[in-house]
Protein backbone atom coordinates (compact mmCIF):
# COMPACT_ATOMS: atom_id res chain seq x y z
CA MET A 1 71.69 20.91 -4.12
CA THR A 2 74.83 22.82 -3.03
CA ARG A 3 75.17 26.58 -2.96
CA GLU A 4 77.76 26.36 -5.71
CA GLU A 5 75.42 24.42 -7.95
CA ILE A 6 72.63 26.93 -7.41
CA ASN A 7 74.88 29.95 -8.05
CA SER A 8 76.13 28.38 -11.29
CA ASP A 9 72.64 28.42 -12.71
CA PHE A 10 72.48 32.24 -12.72
CA PRO A 11 73.53 34.12 -15.86
CA LYS A 12 77.02 35.61 -16.17
CA PRO A 13 77.40 38.84 -14.19
CA ARG A 14 77.74 41.03 -17.33
CA ILE A 15 74.38 39.59 -18.59
CA ALA A 16 72.70 40.10 -15.23
CA TRP A 17 73.93 43.69 -14.88
CA ALA A 18 72.92 44.42 -18.54
CA THR A 19 69.39 43.22 -17.68
CA LEU A 20 69.26 45.30 -14.56
CA SER A 21 70.51 48.42 -16.52
CA VAL A 22 67.71 48.17 -19.02
CA LEU A 23 65.03 47.51 -16.43
CA PHE A 24 66.45 50.48 -14.42
CA LEU A 25 66.01 52.73 -17.46
CA ALA A 26 62.47 51.42 -17.89
CA TYR A 27 61.64 52.18 -14.26
CA ILE A 28 63.00 55.72 -14.69
CA SER A 29 60.75 56.19 -17.74
CA SER A 30 57.78 54.78 -15.73
CA PHE A 31 58.25 57.22 -12.87
CA VAL A 32 58.96 60.24 -15.08
CA ASP A 33 55.64 59.64 -16.81
CA ARG A 34 53.83 58.86 -13.55
CA GLN A 35 55.20 61.69 -11.40
CA ILE A 36 55.36 64.55 -13.89
CA ILE A 37 51.78 65.57 -13.05
CA GLY A 38 52.84 66.39 -9.47
CA LEU A 39 54.67 69.52 -10.72
CA LEU A 40 51.81 70.58 -12.94
CA ILE A 41 49.03 70.62 -10.31
CA GLU A 42 48.65 74.36 -10.09
CA PRO A 43 48.36 75.13 -13.83
CA ILE A 44 46.02 72.12 -14.36
CA LYS A 45 43.79 73.35 -11.46
CA LYS A 46 43.74 76.81 -13.03
CA ASP A 47 42.76 75.59 -16.58
CA PHE A 48 40.21 72.98 -15.51
CA GLN A 49 38.90 74.73 -12.37
CA ILE A 50 39.16 71.70 -10.07
CA SER A 51 39.82 71.09 -6.36
CA ASP A 52 42.77 69.46 -4.58
CA THR A 53 40.63 66.32 -4.05
CA GLU A 54 39.85 66.07 -7.78
CA VAL A 55 43.56 66.56 -8.53
CA SER A 56 44.42 63.74 -6.09
CA LEU A 57 42.28 61.38 -8.18
CA LEU A 58 44.52 62.14 -11.21
CA LEU A 59 47.57 61.45 -9.04
CA GLY A 60 46.44 58.13 -7.55
CA LEU A 61 43.03 56.61 -8.29
CA SER A 62 43.48 56.74 -12.04
CA PHE A 63 46.58 54.46 -11.67
CA ALA A 64 44.81 52.15 -9.23
CA ILE A 65 41.79 51.63 -11.53
CA PHE A 66 43.84 50.09 -14.35
CA TYR A 67 46.04 48.14 -11.94
CA CYS A 68 43.09 46.54 -10.23
CA LEU A 69 41.69 45.36 -13.52
CA VAL A 70 44.84 43.78 -15.06
CA ALA A 71 47.45 43.17 -12.30
CA LEU A 72 46.77 39.54 -11.63
CA PRO A 73 46.26 38.49 -15.30
CA ILE A 74 49.53 40.20 -16.12
CA GLY A 75 51.18 38.42 -13.24
CA ARG A 76 50.08 35.07 -14.71
CA LEU A 77 51.50 36.06 -18.00
CA VAL A 78 54.78 36.88 -16.30
CA ASP A 79 54.90 33.35 -14.96
CA THR A 80 54.18 31.73 -18.34
CA HIS A 81 55.40 33.99 -21.11
CA SER A 82 58.40 36.12 -22.16
CA ARG A 83 58.89 38.73 -19.45
CA LYS A 84 61.02 41.06 -21.62
CA ASN A 85 58.23 41.17 -24.23
CA ILE A 86 55.67 42.08 -21.51
CA VAL A 87 57.97 44.89 -20.39
CA ALA A 88 58.43 46.21 -23.91
CA VAL A 89 54.64 46.30 -24.59
CA GLY A 90 54.06 48.04 -21.25
CA ILE A 91 56.65 50.74 -21.95
CA THR A 92 55.14 51.43 -25.39
CA LEU A 93 51.66 51.77 -23.95
CA TRP A 94 52.44 53.90 -21.02
CA SER A 95 54.60 56.25 -23.12
CA PHE A 96 51.89 56.73 -25.72
CA MET A 97 49.31 57.39 -23.00
CA THR A 98 51.59 59.97 -21.28
CA ALA A 99 51.79 61.87 -24.58
CA LEU A 100 48.07 61.54 -24.94
CA CYS A 101 47.68 63.37 -21.58
CA GLY A 102 48.99 66.41 -23.41
CA LEU A 103 46.05 66.37 -25.78
CA ALA A 104 43.41 66.38 -23.03
CA GLN A 105 40.88 69.21 -23.33
CA ASN A 106 39.11 68.69 -20.05
CA TYR A 107 39.33 66.86 -16.73
CA SER A 108 37.59 63.67 -17.83
CA GLN A 109 39.88 63.21 -20.84
CA LEU A 110 42.96 63.75 -18.66
CA PHE A 111 41.66 61.19 -16.09
CA LEU A 112 41.15 58.60 -18.81
CA ALA A 113 44.61 59.14 -20.25
CA ARG A 114 46.10 58.81 -16.80
CA ILE A 115 44.38 55.43 -16.37
CA GLY A 116 46.31 54.31 -19.43
CA VAL A 117 49.58 55.59 -17.91
CA GLY A 118 48.93 53.10 -15.09
CA VAL A 119 49.92 50.24 -17.39
CA GLY A 120 53.55 50.85 -16.30
CA GLU A 121 52.72 49.83 -12.77
CA ALA A 122 50.95 46.67 -13.92
CA THR A 123 53.56 45.30 -16.33
CA LEU A 124 57.05 46.44 -15.23
CA GLY A 125 56.99 45.53 -11.53
CA PRO A 126 56.08 41.81 -11.63
CA ALA A 127 58.18 41.11 -14.73
CA ALA A 128 61.22 42.95 -13.44
CA TYR A 129 61.06 41.35 -9.92
CA SER A 130 60.88 37.86 -11.52
CA MET A 131 63.72 38.57 -13.94
CA LEU A 132 66.02 40.03 -11.33
CA ALA A 133 65.35 37.04 -8.97
CA ASP A 134 66.46 34.76 -11.78
CA SER A 135 69.55 36.96 -12.58
CA PHE A 136 71.10 37.56 -9.23
CA PRO A 137 71.83 35.10 -6.30
CA PRO A 138 70.08 35.86 -3.01
CA LYS A 139 73.20 37.40 -1.45
CA LYS A 140 73.17 40.10 -4.15
CA LEU A 141 69.41 40.40 -4.71
CA GLY A 142 68.89 43.25 -2.19
CA LEU A 143 71.43 45.42 -3.89
CA ALA A 144 69.99 44.60 -7.32
CA MET A 145 66.52 45.45 -6.09
CA GLY A 146 67.86 48.71 -4.60
CA ILE A 147 69.42 49.77 -7.90
CA PHE A 148 66.31 48.83 -9.83
CA ASN A 149 64.05 50.82 -7.37
CA MET A 150 66.47 53.74 -7.61
CA GLY A 151 64.68 54.28 -10.90
CA THR A 152 61.71 55.61 -8.92
CA ALA A 153 63.81 58.39 -7.32
CA ILE A 154 65.68 59.33 -10.46
CA GLY A 155 62.43 59.19 -12.50
CA ALA A 156 60.58 61.33 -9.97
CA GLY A 157 63.47 63.72 -9.77
CA LEU A 158 63.88 63.96 -13.53
CA ALA A 159 60.17 64.53 -13.94
CA LEU A 160 60.43 67.64 -11.75
CA ILE A 161 63.66 68.90 -13.29
CA ILE A 162 62.63 68.31 -16.94
CA GLY A 163 59.06 69.48 -16.32
CA GLY A 164 60.17 72.68 -14.68
CA SER A 165 62.62 73.40 -17.56
CA ILE A 166 59.92 72.82 -20.20
CA ILE A 167 57.37 74.97 -18.39
CA SER A 168 60.02 77.74 -18.06
CA PHE A 169 60.95 77.50 -21.74
CA VAL A 170 57.44 77.60 -23.17
CA THR A 171 56.52 80.48 -20.87
CA GLU A 172 59.60 82.62 -21.61
CA ASN A 173 59.29 81.94 -25.37
CA ASN A 174 55.54 82.53 -25.49
CA VAL A 175 54.72 79.21 -27.20
CA GLU A 176 51.49 78.62 -25.35
CA HIS A 177 47.94 78.86 -26.72
CA ILE A 178 48.71 77.46 -30.16
CA SER A 179 46.76 75.02 -32.31
CA LEU A 180 48.15 71.74 -33.72
CA PHE A 181 46.01 69.46 -35.95
CA GLY A 182 42.96 71.34 -34.83
CA ILE A 183 43.73 70.88 -31.16
CA GLU A 184 44.04 73.92 -28.98
CA PHE A 185 46.76 73.70 -26.40
CA LEU A 186 45.54 75.27 -23.20
CA SER A 187 48.82 75.69 -21.46
CA GLY A 188 52.60 74.78 -21.44
CA TRP A 189 51.84 71.90 -19.07
CA GLN A 190 50.43 69.99 -22.07
CA TRP A 191 53.78 70.19 -23.81
CA VAL A 192 55.42 68.65 -20.82
CA PHE A 193 53.39 65.46 -21.10
CA ILE A 194 54.11 65.14 -24.83
CA LEU A 195 57.84 65.78 -24.58
CA VAL A 196 58.43 63.38 -21.63
CA GLY A 197 56.19 60.61 -23.00
CA LEU A 198 57.59 59.99 -26.50
CA PRO A 199 61.24 59.10 -25.49
CA GLY A 200 59.98 56.01 -23.68
CA LEU A 201 59.50 54.33 -27.10
CA LEU A 202 63.30 54.14 -27.48
CA ILE A 203 63.62 52.32 -24.15
CA ALA A 204 60.94 49.86 -25.29
CA ALA A 205 63.07 49.01 -28.35
CA LEU A 206 66.14 48.64 -26.07
CA THR A 207 64.30 46.16 -23.93
CA MET A 208 63.99 43.72 -26.81
CA LEU A 209 67.81 43.40 -26.91
CA ILE A 210 68.24 42.01 -23.38
CA THR A 211 68.52 38.25 -22.73
CA GLU A 212 65.53 36.59 -21.09
CA PRO A 213 66.85 34.84 -17.98
CA ARG A 214 65.91 31.19 -17.54
CA ARG A 215 63.58 30.39 -14.63
CA ILE A 216 66.00 28.59 -12.30
CA ILE A 217 65.62 28.60 -8.60
CA THR A 218 63.03 28.35 -5.86
CA GLN A 219 63.37 27.73 -2.16
CA THR A 220 62.47 24.10 -2.86
CA GLY A 221 64.80 23.51 -5.86
CA LEU A 222 64.75 23.80 -9.66
CA THR A 223 61.56 24.04 -11.67
CA ASN A 224 60.61 22.60 -14.96
CA GLY A 225 60.86 25.35 -17.56
CA ASN A 226 57.55 24.19 -19.11
CA LEU A 227 55.61 23.78 -15.89
CA ILE A 228 52.69 26.13 -15.26
CA THR A 229 51.70 26.27 -11.62
CA PRO A 230 47.88 26.07 -11.26
CA ILE A 231 46.32 29.26 -9.70
CA ALA A 232 44.83 27.02 -6.98
CA GLU A 233 48.27 26.03 -5.93
CA VAL A 234 49.41 29.59 -5.79
CA LYS A 235 46.41 30.49 -3.64
CA GLU A 236 47.14 27.58 -1.34
CA PHE A 237 50.75 28.64 -0.95
CA PHE A 238 49.68 32.24 -0.16
CA LEU A 239 47.22 31.20 2.47
CA GLU A 240 49.69 28.72 4.03
CA ASN A 241 52.06 31.61 4.46
CA ILE A 242 49.58 34.32 5.43
CA ASP A 243 51.44 34.97 8.69
CA PHE A 244 54.24 36.36 6.45
CA HIS A 245 52.20 37.92 3.64
CA LEU A 246 49.74 39.87 5.71
CA PRO A 247 52.20 41.95 7.81
CA HIS A 248 54.58 42.21 4.84
CA HIS A 249 51.95 43.60 2.45
CA SER A 250 50.45 45.80 5.14
CA ALA A 251 53.80 47.33 6.12
CA VAL A 252 54.82 48.15 2.54
CA SER A 253 51.32 49.48 1.90
CA PHE A 254 51.69 52.11 4.67
CA SER A 255 55.23 52.87 3.48
CA ASN A 256 53.79 53.42 0.04
CA LEU A 257 50.98 55.67 1.47
CA ALA A 258 53.66 57.86 2.99
CA LEU A 259 55.71 57.96 -0.17
CA VAL A 260 52.81 58.67 -2.55
CA GLY A 261 51.37 61.26 -0.07
CA ILE A 262 54.55 63.24 0.24
CA ASN A 263 55.65 62.90 -3.40
CA SER A 264 52.26 64.02 -4.74
CA TRP A 265 52.17 67.21 -2.77
CA VAL A 266 55.81 68.20 -2.14
CA SER A 267 55.94 70.50 -5.15
CA VAL A 268 52.63 72.09 -4.19
CA PHE A 269 53.93 72.48 -0.65
CA PHE A 270 56.99 74.47 -1.63
CA ILE A 271 55.03 76.56 -4.13
CA ARG A 272 52.29 77.44 -1.74
CA ILE A 273 54.08 77.63 1.58
CA HIS A 274 57.57 78.92 0.50
CA GLY A 275 56.58 80.77 -2.60
CA TRP A 276 58.75 78.87 -5.09
CA SER A 277 58.08 79.07 -8.83
CA LEU A 278 57.39 75.93 -10.87
CA SER A 279 60.93 75.78 -12.34
CA GLU A 280 62.52 76.49 -8.96
CA ALA A 281 60.50 73.79 -7.26
CA GLY A 282 61.19 71.37 -10.05
CA LEU A 283 64.96 71.77 -9.94
CA ASN A 284 65.38 71.84 -6.17
CA ILE A 285 63.00 69.03 -5.37
CA GLY A 286 64.16 66.99 -8.30
CA VAL A 287 67.84 67.07 -7.11
CA SER A 288 66.64 66.23 -3.50
CA LEU A 289 64.69 63.25 -4.70
CA ILE A 290 67.61 61.87 -6.66
CA LEU A 291 70.13 62.29 -3.83
CA GLY A 292 67.73 60.95 -1.18
CA GLY A 293 66.79 58.06 -3.40
CA LEU A 294 70.47 57.22 -4.13
CA ILE A 295 71.24 57.01 -0.41
CA GLY A 296 68.05 55.27 0.54
CA LEU A 297 67.60 52.77 -2.28
CA VAL A 298 71.11 51.79 -3.28
CA GLY A 299 72.59 52.27 0.15
CA GLY A 300 69.53 50.68 1.72
CA GLY A 301 69.59 47.69 -0.54
CA TRP A 302 73.34 47.12 0.17
CA LEU A 303 72.88 47.57 3.90
CA SER A 304 69.89 45.24 4.13
CA ASP A 305 72.08 42.58 2.46
CA ARG A 306 74.79 43.13 5.04
CA LEU A 307 72.33 42.88 7.95
CA SER A 308 70.89 39.71 6.50
CA ALA A 309 74.37 38.19 6.41
CA ARG A 310 74.86 39.06 10.10
CA PHE A 311 71.43 38.65 11.61
CA VAL A 312 68.53 36.23 11.06
CA GLY A 313 65.72 38.34 9.50
CA GLY A 314 68.09 41.30 8.84
CA LYS A 315 66.01 42.73 5.99
CA ALA A 316 62.88 43.00 8.18
CA ILE A 317 64.92 44.63 10.97
CA PHE A 318 66.27 47.15 8.50
CA CYS A 319 62.81 48.04 7.25
CA LEU A 320 61.53 48.59 10.85
CA MET A 321 64.46 50.92 11.62
CA CYS A 322 63.97 53.02 8.45
CA ALA A 323 60.21 53.49 9.02
CA LEU A 324 60.87 54.77 12.61
CA ILE A 325 63.70 57.14 11.62
CA ALA A 326 61.56 58.65 8.80
CA VAL A 327 58.98 59.93 11.32
CA PRO A 328 60.85 62.90 12.85
CA PHE A 329 62.38 63.97 9.47
CA ALA A 330 58.86 64.02 7.90
CA ALA A 331 57.64 66.26 10.73
CA LEU A 332 60.63 68.64 10.50
CA PHE A 333 60.11 68.93 6.78
CA THR A 334 56.67 70.53 7.29
CA LEU A 335 57.52 72.58 10.33
CA THR A 336 60.81 74.21 9.27
CA GLU A 337 60.39 77.81 8.20
CA ASP A 338 63.52 78.06 6.10
CA PRO A 339 62.75 76.55 2.69
CA PHE A 340 66.17 75.02 2.03
CA ASN A 341 66.31 73.44 5.49
CA ALA A 342 62.87 72.05 4.76
CA LEU A 343 64.29 70.69 1.50
CA ILE A 344 67.03 68.88 3.37
CA PHE A 345 64.61 67.37 5.79
CA PHE A 346 62.40 66.33 2.87
CA GLY A 347 65.40 64.55 1.24
CA LEU A 348 66.22 62.76 4.48
CA SER A 349 62.61 61.69 5.12
CA TYR A 350 62.23 60.54 1.53
CA GLY A 351 65.52 58.57 1.73
CA PHE A 352 64.44 56.67 4.82
CA MET A 353 60.94 56.02 3.46
CA VAL A 354 62.19 54.45 0.16
CA ALA A 355 64.97 52.46 1.84
CA PRO A 356 62.64 49.52 2.88
CA ILE A 357 61.26 49.13 -0.66
CA PRO A 358 64.13 46.97 -2.13
CA ALA A 359 64.50 44.92 1.04
CA ALA A 360 60.71 44.26 1.12
CA ALA A 361 60.71 43.20 -2.56
CA ALA A 362 63.75 40.91 -1.97
CA MET A 363 62.04 39.30 1.03
CA LEU A 364 59.02 38.37 -1.13
CA GLN A 365 61.19 36.92 -3.90
CA GLU A 366 63.31 34.93 -1.40
CA THR A 367 60.24 33.28 0.13
CA THR A 368 58.32 32.59 -3.09
CA PRO A 369 58.81 29.68 -5.48
CA ASN A 370 59.94 30.78 -8.96
CA ARG A 371 56.84 29.77 -10.88
CA MET A 372 54.65 31.81 -8.46
CA ARG A 373 56.78 34.93 -8.39
CA GLY A 374 54.94 36.75 -11.20
CA THR A 375 51.53 36.12 -9.79
CA LEU A 376 52.38 36.79 -6.13
CA SER A 377 54.46 39.84 -7.11
CA ALA A 378 51.54 41.18 -9.07
CA PHE A 379 49.22 40.58 -6.14
CA TYR A 380 51.70 42.31 -3.77
CA LEU A 381 51.95 45.29 -6.08
CA LEU A 382 48.16 45.27 -6.48
CA VAL A 383 47.68 45.56 -2.71
CA ILE A 384 50.26 48.33 -2.16
CA SER A 385 48.90 50.17 -5.28
CA ILE A 386 45.25 49.98 -4.04
CA VAL A 387 46.36 51.39 -0.66
CA GLY A 388 49.26 53.70 -1.66
CA LEU A 389 48.34 54.97 -5.16
CA SER A 390 44.62 55.33 -4.70
CA LEU A 391 44.71 56.75 -1.18
CA GLY A 392 48.11 58.40 -0.60
CA ALA A 393 47.47 61.61 -2.49
CA THR A 394 43.76 61.60 -1.71
CA VAL A 395 44.12 61.35 2.04
CA VAL A 396 46.32 64.39 2.14
CA ALA A 397 43.92 66.34 -0.17
CA VAL A 398 40.79 65.39 1.83
CA LEU A 399 42.47 66.41 5.09
CA ASN A 400 43.26 69.79 3.52
CA ASP A 401 39.87 70.36 1.84
CA THR A 402 37.81 69.11 4.85
CA PHE A 403 39.66 70.33 7.94
CA PHE A 404 41.95 73.16 6.95
CA GLY A 405 40.80 74.66 3.64
CA GLY A 406 42.76 77.06 1.54
CA ASP A 407 46.09 76.54 -0.13
CA THR A 408 48.17 76.72 3.02
CA GLY A 409 46.29 73.86 4.70
CA ILE A 410 48.50 71.47 2.76
CA GLN A 411 51.14 72.03 5.43
CA GLN A 412 49.00 70.74 8.26
CA ALA A 413 47.66 67.82 6.16
CA LEU A 414 51.19 66.64 5.39
CA LEU A 415 52.24 66.99 9.03
CA ILE A 416 49.42 64.73 10.20
CA ALA A 417 49.40 62.18 7.43
CA ILE A 418 53.05 61.28 6.63
CA PRO A 419 54.40 60.54 10.13
CA THR A 420 51.24 58.60 10.94
CA PHE A 421 51.64 56.39 7.86
CA ASN A 422 55.26 55.70 8.77
CA LEU A 423 54.38 54.74 12.36
CA LEU A 424 51.77 52.31 11.07
CA ALA A 425 54.29 50.83 8.63
CA ALA A 426 56.76 50.34 11.50
CA LEU A 427 54.11 48.45 13.51
CA PHE A 428 53.60 46.00 10.72
CA TYR A 429 57.34 45.57 10.10
CA LEU A 430 57.59 44.71 13.77
CA LYS A 431 54.91 42.05 13.29
CA LEU A 432 56.82 40.71 10.20
CA LEU A 433 59.99 39.99 12.16
CA LYS A 434 58.89 36.62 13.66
CA PRO A 435 57.47 34.95 10.51
CA TYR A 436 60.33 36.25 8.28
CA LYS A 437 62.96 34.99 10.80
CA ALA A 438 61.31 31.63 10.83
CA ARG A 439 61.67 31.39 7.01
CA CYS A 440 65.26 32.62 7.11
CA ALA A 441 66.11 29.97 9.66
């Protein structure tokens, strides 16, 4: 089959970009709902009287529990059922559960509600990856993945900006400590969950308007639209290509560890170390996340496509370079005394840490047959979620609680953890070069 014939099977560009736009909005919603708690750590700790380690379980483990239970079954559904319907159901559920977090009256209730928010990670990623791979040809897939993953940066940034604004409003207008339907609201942080969760329902409705892309291309040719690949065949393919999957999944897992670790505690860092207020931290860090993500994800996706066109294995080379460059910026972020210089170094370190994400996702889609993409993408996201989501926030918290203690120990914990995670990611990206180059050739 010629390249022209393959490219002709993709949807028209306007349809592909419309699909990407809606999925992009969905990812923003997912990360707003997921990351909003990072700004609310201090008031939640005060109301529920919990430690940094207990907070870290709300940030990470609660997501990982749900993901571990349903990731692979959802991946199989992605390979056999309507992907846009799966995304719409996922958005509805995670939006409702985010709002439910605002009704929590104790730590256990909040933990259970956060498990439900994890549905976003389980449904959106595998379905979106599969849909984008069927909407954009390989030469444009890195850019498309970069734009899609930009939703993480904008979502995380908006979570802080919106959350800080809501906290400031309810504090200044004295609307805390009121009862609604017999439920006593402990603090303004509960209003934040409710007000950021409900708008996601509109995005769920919008998702139903996009066109489901047909499943068209694999590295071995076209697939039968009605063919369901047996799970045994998927497992066999994975094991036959373990030389690629092991370093690939390991590298992204450590990149995710670094990202979750720094994102979970950056607001706390500036509040405790530099004395910023919640609203001040929300606005400044939110803008930094959006700018760093724009450069790292969109620019990174575009640049990884360019490197792939010029060099065999260009995407893996790009990931290795970014992981190494992130190390000094992550260290300078924690060591710089001036808060706004620290903010600049944070933005730079974040930009280089997120830059490999679209390239890594594109590599997996490029090397995976169509009818296995949902299952293997779900397994990939399961692995990096188990490592990153469940451990990223907790490793930093445990380092602080165990070896440093006190609020200011978060500075030393971040200084040790984040550069180390990036160095380990770089090591596995290096090991990925040879098997990925072989598949590109």
